[in-house]
């Protein structure tokens, strides 16, 4: 326990300060085309009105149209999407032959066309949101039904008619597709390193399903970033990310354990962080962000985040008591 609190106190270095020099550098970018399936590591990702392009654009649903995630079906961790190599180029548009390929153990590859006519289906839901979605057809349904051994369908977010707003208590006017709550999640390598110092078996960043991994800053610095500048865009930190069961699921095997949640309960709870609201069951790792440029079609045109981009902190939360969660 002494080691835990020593690491915790060291994470407060530089809290509340901003600088004209970069506070961190983007070291990795991850996009998750299908909710709860594996992510894709890319060197750059264009910004859209809902986050990175292609991020959580698809989702697997049950017979009632409700989202299926790794929380219930851990085998989704083994479904690996592949998009065309140029899908993350600025301005790229799919042709009639462009496909996303999904692979999973024991299954033939599933091809999903990126440009085709879709059937609209209603009453698709994820968390508090319900709306219409674009059905990817019976073959994709049979593929996931066989793999998960339960009635399933693959659907795509219906961008032509639907809009899913983020929680207005944290950020008004911003949108996402099928992500849990917000368009972007940022985590620092320093935070992961500090956590791994406490674990008997270190874990990779894929447990936390971040969009942007940064390096070069103090551990847990990202918790305090209120306004940042990244690739000439303004990213706002709006909510500490409370973690569910998914970080305990090994993304290479689909098997769940107790870590890292068991260890984070010792130093990443409301009580340990001296926050005003005390909810002992919650643990936090990373912060959710929105991007101002995503509010305007003209502002986000040609905007892209690249590995190696410097991140500047313009405004910080003074303490954990001031952060939202």
Protein backbone atom coordinates (compact mmCIF):
# COMPACT_ATOMS: atom_id res chain seq x y z
CA UNK A 1 0.00 0.00 0.00
CA UNK A 2 2.88 2.36 0.77
CA UNK A 3 4.12 1.91 -2.78
CA UNK A 4 0.67 2.74 -4.14
CA UNK A 5 0.43 6.05 -2.31
CA UNK A 6 4.00 6.98 -3.20
CA UNK A 7 3.16 6.59 -6.88
CA UNK A 8 -0.12 8.43 -6.40
CA UNK A 9 1.51 11.49 -4.86
CA UNK A 10 4.19 11.64 -7.52
CA UNK A 11 1.47 11.99 -10.16
CA UNK A 12 0.58 15.48 -8.97
CA UNK A 13 3.76 17.06 -10.34
CA UNK A 14 2.93 20.05 -12.48
CA UNK A 15 -0.81 20.00 -11.80
CA UNK A 16 -2.55 23.24 -12.75
CA UNK A 17 0.29 24.52 -14.91
CA UNK A 18 0.29 25.25 -18.62
CA UNK A 19 3.25 25.91 -20.87
CA UNK A 20 4.17 27.28 -24.29
CA UNK A 21 6.25 24.16 -24.89
CA UNK A 22 4.60 20.80 -25.71
CA UNK A 23 3.30 18.87 -22.70
CA UNK A 24 3.25 15.55 -24.54
CA UNK A 25 3.55 13.94 -27.96
CA UNK A 26 1.15 11.58 -29.69
CA UNK A 27 2.80 8.14 -29.66
CA UNK A 28 -0.07 5.96 -30.94
CA UNK A 29 -3.53 6.37 -32.48
CA UNK A 30 -6.23 3.70 -32.29
CA UNK A 31 -9.53 3.45 -34.14
CA UNK A 32 -12.20 0.85 -33.35
CA UNK A 33 -14.43 0.39 -36.41
CA UNK A 34 -16.72 -2.17 -34.71
CA UNK A 35 -17.74 -1.43 -31.14
CA UNK A 36 -16.13 -3.85 -28.65
CA UNK A 37 -14.00 -5.54 -31.34
CA UNK A 38 -10.26 -5.06 -31.77
CA UNK A 39 -8.82 -1.70 -32.66
CA UNK A 40 -6.59 -0.66 -35.53
CA UNK A 41 -3.31 1.15 -34.86
CA UNK A 42 -2.80 3.87 -37.45
CA UNK A 43 -0.21 6.55 -38.12
CA UNK A 44 -2.87 9.21 -38.66
CA UNK A 45 -6.62 9.61 -38.36
CA UNK A 46 -8.88 12.28 -39.89
CA UNK A 47 -11.33 14.11 -37.65
CA UNK A 48 -15.07 13.79 -38.29
CA UNK A 49 -18.12 15.23 -36.56
CA UNK A 50 -18.25 12.16 -34.30
CA UNK A 51 -14.57 11.59 -33.50
CA UNK A 52 -11.99 9.83 -35.63
CA UNK A 53 -13.32 8.66 -38.96
CA UNK A 54 -14.57 5.03 -38.84
CA UNK A 55 -14.46 4.91 -35.03
CA UNK A 56 -17.34 2.81 -33.63
CA UNK A 57 -19.26 3.16 -36.89
CA UNK A 58 -20.44 -0.46 -36.63
CA UNK A 59 -21.95 -2.40 -33.75
CA UNK A 60 -23.17 -5.94 -33.09
CA UNK A 61 -26.71 -6.14 -31.70
CA UNK A 62 -28.87 -8.92 -30.27
CA UNK A 63 -32.33 -10.02 -31.42
CA UNK A 64 -33.86 -7.01 -29.66
CA UNK A 65 -31.52 -4.54 -31.34
CA UNK A 66 -29.53 -3.92 -28.16
CA UNK A 67 -25.73 -3.45 -28.31
CA UNK A 68 -23.60 -6.52 -27.59
CA UNK A 69 -20.26 -5.67 -25.96
CA UNK A 70 -17.33 -7.47 -24.39
CA UNK A 71 -18.93 -6.97 -20.99
CA UNK A 72 -21.23 -9.86 -21.92
CA UNK A 73 -19.54 -11.45 -24.93
CA UNK A 74 -15.80 -11.49 -24.32
CA UNK A 75 -15.21 -13.30 -27.63
CA UNK A 76 -15.71 -9.97 -29.40
CA UNK A 77 -12.17 -9.11 -28.26
CA UNK A 78 -10.90 -11.61 -30.83
CA UNK A 79 -12.77 -10.12 -33.81
CA UNK A 80 -10.19 -8.24 -35.84
CA UNK A 81 -11.26 -5.61 -38.40
CA UNK A 82 -9.16 -4.56 -41.37
CA UNK A 83 -9.90 -1.46 -43.44
CA UNK A 84 -8.27 -0.48 -46.76
CA UNK A 85 -4.75 0.88 -46.24
CA UNK A 86 -5.76 4.32 -47.54
CA UNK A 87 -8.98 4.56 -45.49
CA UNK A 88 -7.29 7.00 -43.12
CA UNK A 89 -6.00 9.34 -45.82
CA UNK A 90 -7.56 12.80 -45.69
CA UNK A 91 -10.39 13.06 -48.19
CA UNK A 92 -10.42 9.34 -49.10
CA UNK A 93 -13.81 7.99 -50.13
CA UNK A 94 -14.69 4.31 -50.62
CA UNK A 95 -15.42 2.90 -54.06
CA UNK A 96 -17.97 0.21 -54.91
CA UNK A 97 -15.29 -2.43 -54.31
CA UNK A 98 -13.97 -1.09 -50.97
CA UNK A 99 -14.45 -3.51 -48.09
CA UNK A 100 -13.81 -3.97 -44.39
CA UNK A 101 -12.66 -7.50 -43.54
CA UNK A 102 -13.51 -9.07 -40.18
CA UNK A 103 -11.57 -12.08 -38.93
CA UNK A 104 -12.18 -14.27 -35.88
CA UNK A 105 -10.90 -17.66 -34.65
CA UNK A 106 -12.55 -20.58 -36.43
CA UNK A 107 -14.41 -18.31 -38.86
CA UNK A 108 -13.98 -17.56 -42.56
CA UNK A 109 -13.27 -13.85 -43.16
CA UNK A 110 -16.36 -11.64 -43.37
CA UNK A 111 -16.36 -8.93 -46.03
CA UNK A 112 -18.40 -5.80 -45.38
CA UNK A 113 -18.75 -3.38 -48.27
CA UNK A 114 -18.09 0.23 -47.32
CA UNK A 115 -20.30 1.61 -50.09
CA UNK A 116 -23.60 -0.09 -50.85
CA UNK A 117 -27.36 0.19 -50.41
CA UNK A 118 -28.55 -0.61 -46.89
CA UNK A 119 -31.79 -1.63 -45.26
CA UNK A 120 -32.76 0.73 -42.47
CA UNK A 121 -33.87 -0.94 -39.25
CA UNK A 122 -35.39 0.81 -36.26
CA UNK A 123 -35.14 0.41 -32.48
CA UNK A 124 -31.37 -0.05 -32.33
CA UNK A 125 -30.05 0.95 -28.92
CA UNK A 126 -26.82 1.53 -27.06
CA UNK A 127 -27.00 2.73 -23.47
CA UNK A 128 -29.52 5.60 -23.33
CA UNK A 129 -29.75 6.12 -27.11
CA UNK A 130 -32.27 4.52 -29.46
CA UNK A 131 -32.56 5.16 -33.19
CA UNK A 132 -32.35 3.64 -36.65
CA UNK A 133 -29.29 1.93 -38.11
CA UNK A 134 -28.18 0.39 -41.40
CA UNK A 135 -28.31 -3.39 -41.43
CA UNK A 136 -25.31 -5.16 -43.00
CA UNK A 137 -27.43 -8.06 -44.23
CA UNK A 138 -28.19 -11.69 -43.49
CA UNK A 139 -24.72 -13.04 -44.29
CA UNK A 140 -23.11 -10.77 -41.68
CA UNK A 141 -25.89 -11.71 -39.25
CA UNK A 142 -25.25 -15.42 -39.81
CA UNK A 143 -21.51 -14.87 -39.32
CA UNK A 144 -21.89 -13.20 -35.93
CA UNK A 145 -24.71 -15.54 -34.89
CA UNK A 146 -22.46 -18.52 -35.52
CA UNK A 147 -19.46 -16.93 -33.81
CA UNK A 148 -21.32 -15.73 -30.70
CA UNK A 149 -23.75 -18.68 -30.68
CA UNK A 150 -26.73 -16.39 -30.24
CA UNK A 151 -28.92 -14.36 -32.65
CA UNK A 152 -26.87 -11.31 -33.71
CA UNK A 153 -26.77 -8.67 -36.42
CA UNK A 154 -24.12 -6.23 -37.59
CA UNK A 155 -25.37 -2.68 -38.01
CA UNK A 156 -23.83 0.59 -39.13
CA UNK A 157 -24.58 4.02 -37.71
CA UNK A 158 -27.14 5.80 -39.88
CA UNK A 159 -25.31 9.09 -40.42
CA UNK A 160 -27.87 10.33 -42.95
CA UNK A 161 -30.72 10.55 -40.43
CA UNK A 162 -29.39 10.03 -36.90
CA UNK A 163 -27.34 12.07 -34.46
CA UNK A 164 -26.20 10.81 -31.06
CA UNK A 165 -25.33 13.68 -28.74
CA UNK A 166 -22.93 13.23 -25.85
CA UNK A 167 -24.14 13.85 -22.29
CA UNK A 168 -24.97 17.60 -22.15
CA UNK A 169 -24.00 17.70 -18.47
CA UNK A 170 -20.39 17.41 -19.65
CA UNK A 171 -20.29 18.81 -23.20
CA UNK A 172 -23.12 20.36 -25.21
CA UNK A 173 -23.55 19.96 -28.95
CA UNK A 174 -20.91 17.27 -29.56
CA UNK A 175 -21.73 13.93 -31.18
CA UNK A 176 -20.46 10.38 -31.29
CA UNK A 177 -21.55 7.22 -33.09
CA UNK A 178 -21.57 3.95 -31.11
CA UNK A 179 -18.86 4.82 -28.55
CA UNK A 180 -19.82 4.47 -24.90
CA UNK A 181 -20.04 8.17 -24.29
CA UNK A 182 -17.57 10.59 -25.91
CA UNK A 183 -15.67 10.97 -29.20
CA UNK A 184 -12.09 10.72 -27.84
CA UNK A 185 -10.22 9.04 -24.99
CA UNK A 186 -6.68 10.17 -24.20
CA UNK A 187 -4.28 8.23 -21.95
CA UNK A 188 -0.58 8.79 -21.30
CA UNK A 189 2.13 6.17 -21.48
CA UNK A 190 3.34 7.44 -18.11
CA UNK A 191 0.03 6.51 -16.50
CA UNK A 192 0.20 3.00 -17.95
CA UNK A 193 3.82 2.64 -16.81
CA UNK A 194 2.93 3.66 -13.24
CA UNK A 195 0.05 1.22 -13.14
CA UNK A 196 2.23 -1.57 -14.49
CA UNK A 197 4.76 -0.95 -11.70
CA UNK A 198 2.04 -2.07 -9.28
CA UNK A 199 0.87 -5.12 -11.22
CA UNK A 200 2.49 -8.52 -10.94
CA UNK A 201 1.93 -8.94 -14.70
CA UNK A 202 2.14 -5.76 -16.83
CA UNK A 203 -0.72 -5.13 -19.24
CA UNK A 204 -0.73 -3.44 -22.68
CA UNK A 205 -2.62 -0.29 -23.58
CA UNK A 206 -5.22 -2.28 -25.56
CA UNK A 207 -6.96 -3.11 -22.26
CA UNK A 208 -8.10 0.52 -22.04
CA UNK A 209 -9.25 1.10 -25.65
CA UNK A 210 -7.82 4.58 -25.89
CA UNK A 211 -8.00 6.64 -29.09
CA UNK A 212 -4.87 8.71 -28.45
CA UNK A 213 -1.85 7.53 -26.48
CA UNK A 214 0.60 10.29 -25.58
CA UNK A 215 4.09 10.18 -24.12
CA UNK A 216 6.54 12.60 -22.53
CA UNK A 217 4.36 13.80 -19.64
CA UNK A 218 4.06 12.96 -15.96
CA UNK A 219 1.83 10.01 -15.02
CA UNK A 220 -1.86 10.96 -14.84
CA UNK A 221 -1.19 14.45 -16.19
CA UNK A 222 -3.99 13.91 -18.70
CA UNK A 223 -6.50 13.89 -15.83
CA UNK A 224 -6.03 17.66 -15.47
CA UNK A 225 -6.00 18.75 -19.12
CA UNK A 226 -8.99 21.05 -19.54
CA UNK A 227 -8.11 22.76 -22.84
CA UNK A 228 -5.39 21.48 -25.16
CA UNK A 229 -4.13 22.26 -28.64
CA UNK A 230 -3.36 19.26 -30.87
CA UNK A 231 -2.63 19.50 -34.60
CA UNK A 232 -4.01 23.07 -34.58
CA UNK A 233 -7.29 21.84 -33.09
CA UNK A 234 -8.78 22.46 -29.65
CA UNK A 235 -9.45 19.35 -27.59
CA UNK A 236 -11.33 19.79 -24.32
CA UNK A 237 -11.09 17.36 -21.41
CA UNK A 238 -14.66 16.92 -20.20
CA UNK A 239 -14.84 13.81 -18.03
CA UNK A 240 -12.50 11.38 -16.30
CA UNK A 241 -13.07 7.93 -17.76
CA UNK A 242 -14.65 5.58 -15.24
CA UNK A 243 -13.69 2.03 -16.10
CA UNK A 244 -16.02 -0.93 -16.48
CA UNK A 245 -15.17 -4.63 -16.68
CA UNK A 246 -13.39 -4.40 -20.03
CA UNK A 247 -9.85 -3.55 -18.79
CA UNK A 248 -9.91 -6.90 -16.97
CA UNK A 249 -10.38 -8.77 -20.28
CA UNK A 250 -7.22 -10.00 -21.96
CA UNK A 251 -7.58 -8.73 -25.53
CA UNK A 252 -5.41 -11.55 -26.91
CA UNK A 253 -7.41 -14.38 -25.33
CA UNK A 254 -10.83 -12.94 -24.48
CA UNK A 255 -10.47 -14.19 -20.90
CA UNK A 256 -11.34 -11.93 -17.97
CA UNK A 257 -9.53 -11.68 -14.65
CA UNK A 258 -9.51 -9.26 -11.72
CA UNK A 259 -6.68 -6.94 -12.73
CA UNK A 260 -6.06 -4.08 -13.23
CA UNK A 261 -9.32 -3.09 -11.47
CA UNK A 262 -8.30 -4.72 -8.20
CA UNK A 263 -5.14 -2.62 -8.04
CA UNK A 264 -6.80 0.58 -9.28
CA UNK A 265 -9.33 0.32 -6.45
CA UNK A 266 -6.42 1.17 -4.13
CA UNK A 267 -5.49 4.48 -5.71
CA UNK A 268 -7.84 5.53 -8.54
CA UNK A 269 -11.20 5.86 -6.76
CA UNK A 270 -13.03 9.07 -5.84
CA UNK A 271 -11.89 8.70 -2.25
CA UNK A 272 -8.25 8.09 -3.13
CA UNK A 273 -8.24 11.03 -5.54
CA UNK A 274 -9.90 13.26 -2.93
CA UNK A 275 -12.79 14.11 -5.20
CA UNK A 276 -15.93 15.78 -3.87
CA UNK A 277 -18.27 12.97 -4.93
CA UNK A 278 -17.49 9.65 -3.33
CA UNK A 279 -18.49 6.57 -5.33
CA UNK A 280 -16.23 3.82 -4.06
CA UNK A 281 -17.10 1.35 -6.83
CA UNK A 282 -15.72 3.58 -9.61
CA UNK A 283 -12.10 3.65 -10.77
CA UNK A 284 -10.70 6.12 -13.29
CA UNK A 285 -8.08 5.81 -16.01
CA UNK A 286 -7.73 8.34 -18.84
CA UNK A 287 -9.91 11.31 -19.73
CA UNK A 288 -12.66 11.77 -22.31
CA UNK A 289 -12.23 14.65 -24.77
CA UNK A 290 -14.24 16.51 -27.39
CA UNK A 291 -12.84 18.48 -30.33
CA UNK A 292 -14.14 21.99 -31.06
CA UNK A 293 -13.49 21.69 -34.79
CA UNK A 294 -15.89 18.74 -35.03
CA UNK A 295 -18.79 21.15 -34.48
CA UNK A 296 -18.32 22.71 -37.91
CA UNK A 297 -18.00 20.93 -41.26
CA UNK A 298 -15.77 23.68 -42.63
CA UNK A 299 -13.53 23.72 -39.53
CA UNK A 300 -12.80 19.99 -39.59
CA UNK A 301 -12.16 19.77 -43.33
CA UNK A 302 -8.70 18.33 -43.86
CA UNK A 303 -8.04 18.06 -40.11
CA UNK A 304 -6.02 15.05 -39.04
CA UNK A 305 -4.13 13.86 -35.95
CA UNK A 306 -0.79 12.17 -36.60
CA UNK A 307 1.66 10.15 -34.55
CA UNK A 308 4.39 12.56 -33.50
CA UNK A 309 2.07 15.56 -33.17
CA UNK A 310 2.86 17.73 -30.12
CA UNK A 311 0.11 18.38 -27.58
CA UNK A 312 -0.01 21.73 -25.78
CA UNK A 313 -1.91 22.29 -22.55
CA UNK A 314 -3.63 25.69 -22.59
CA UNK A 315 -5.70 25.32 -19.44
CA UNK A 316 -5.66 22.82 -16.58
CA UNK A 317 -7.98 21.76 -13.79
CA UNK A 318 -6.36 22.82 -10.50
CA UNK A 319 -7.17 19.59 -8.62
CA UNK A 320 -9.10 16.33 -8.81
CA UNK A 321 -11.93 18.00 -6.92
CA UNK A 322 -12.38 20.29 -9.94
CA UNK A 323 -12.44 17.57 -12.59
CA UNK A 324 -15.66 16.08 -13.89
CA UNK A 325 -16.41 12.38 -13.63
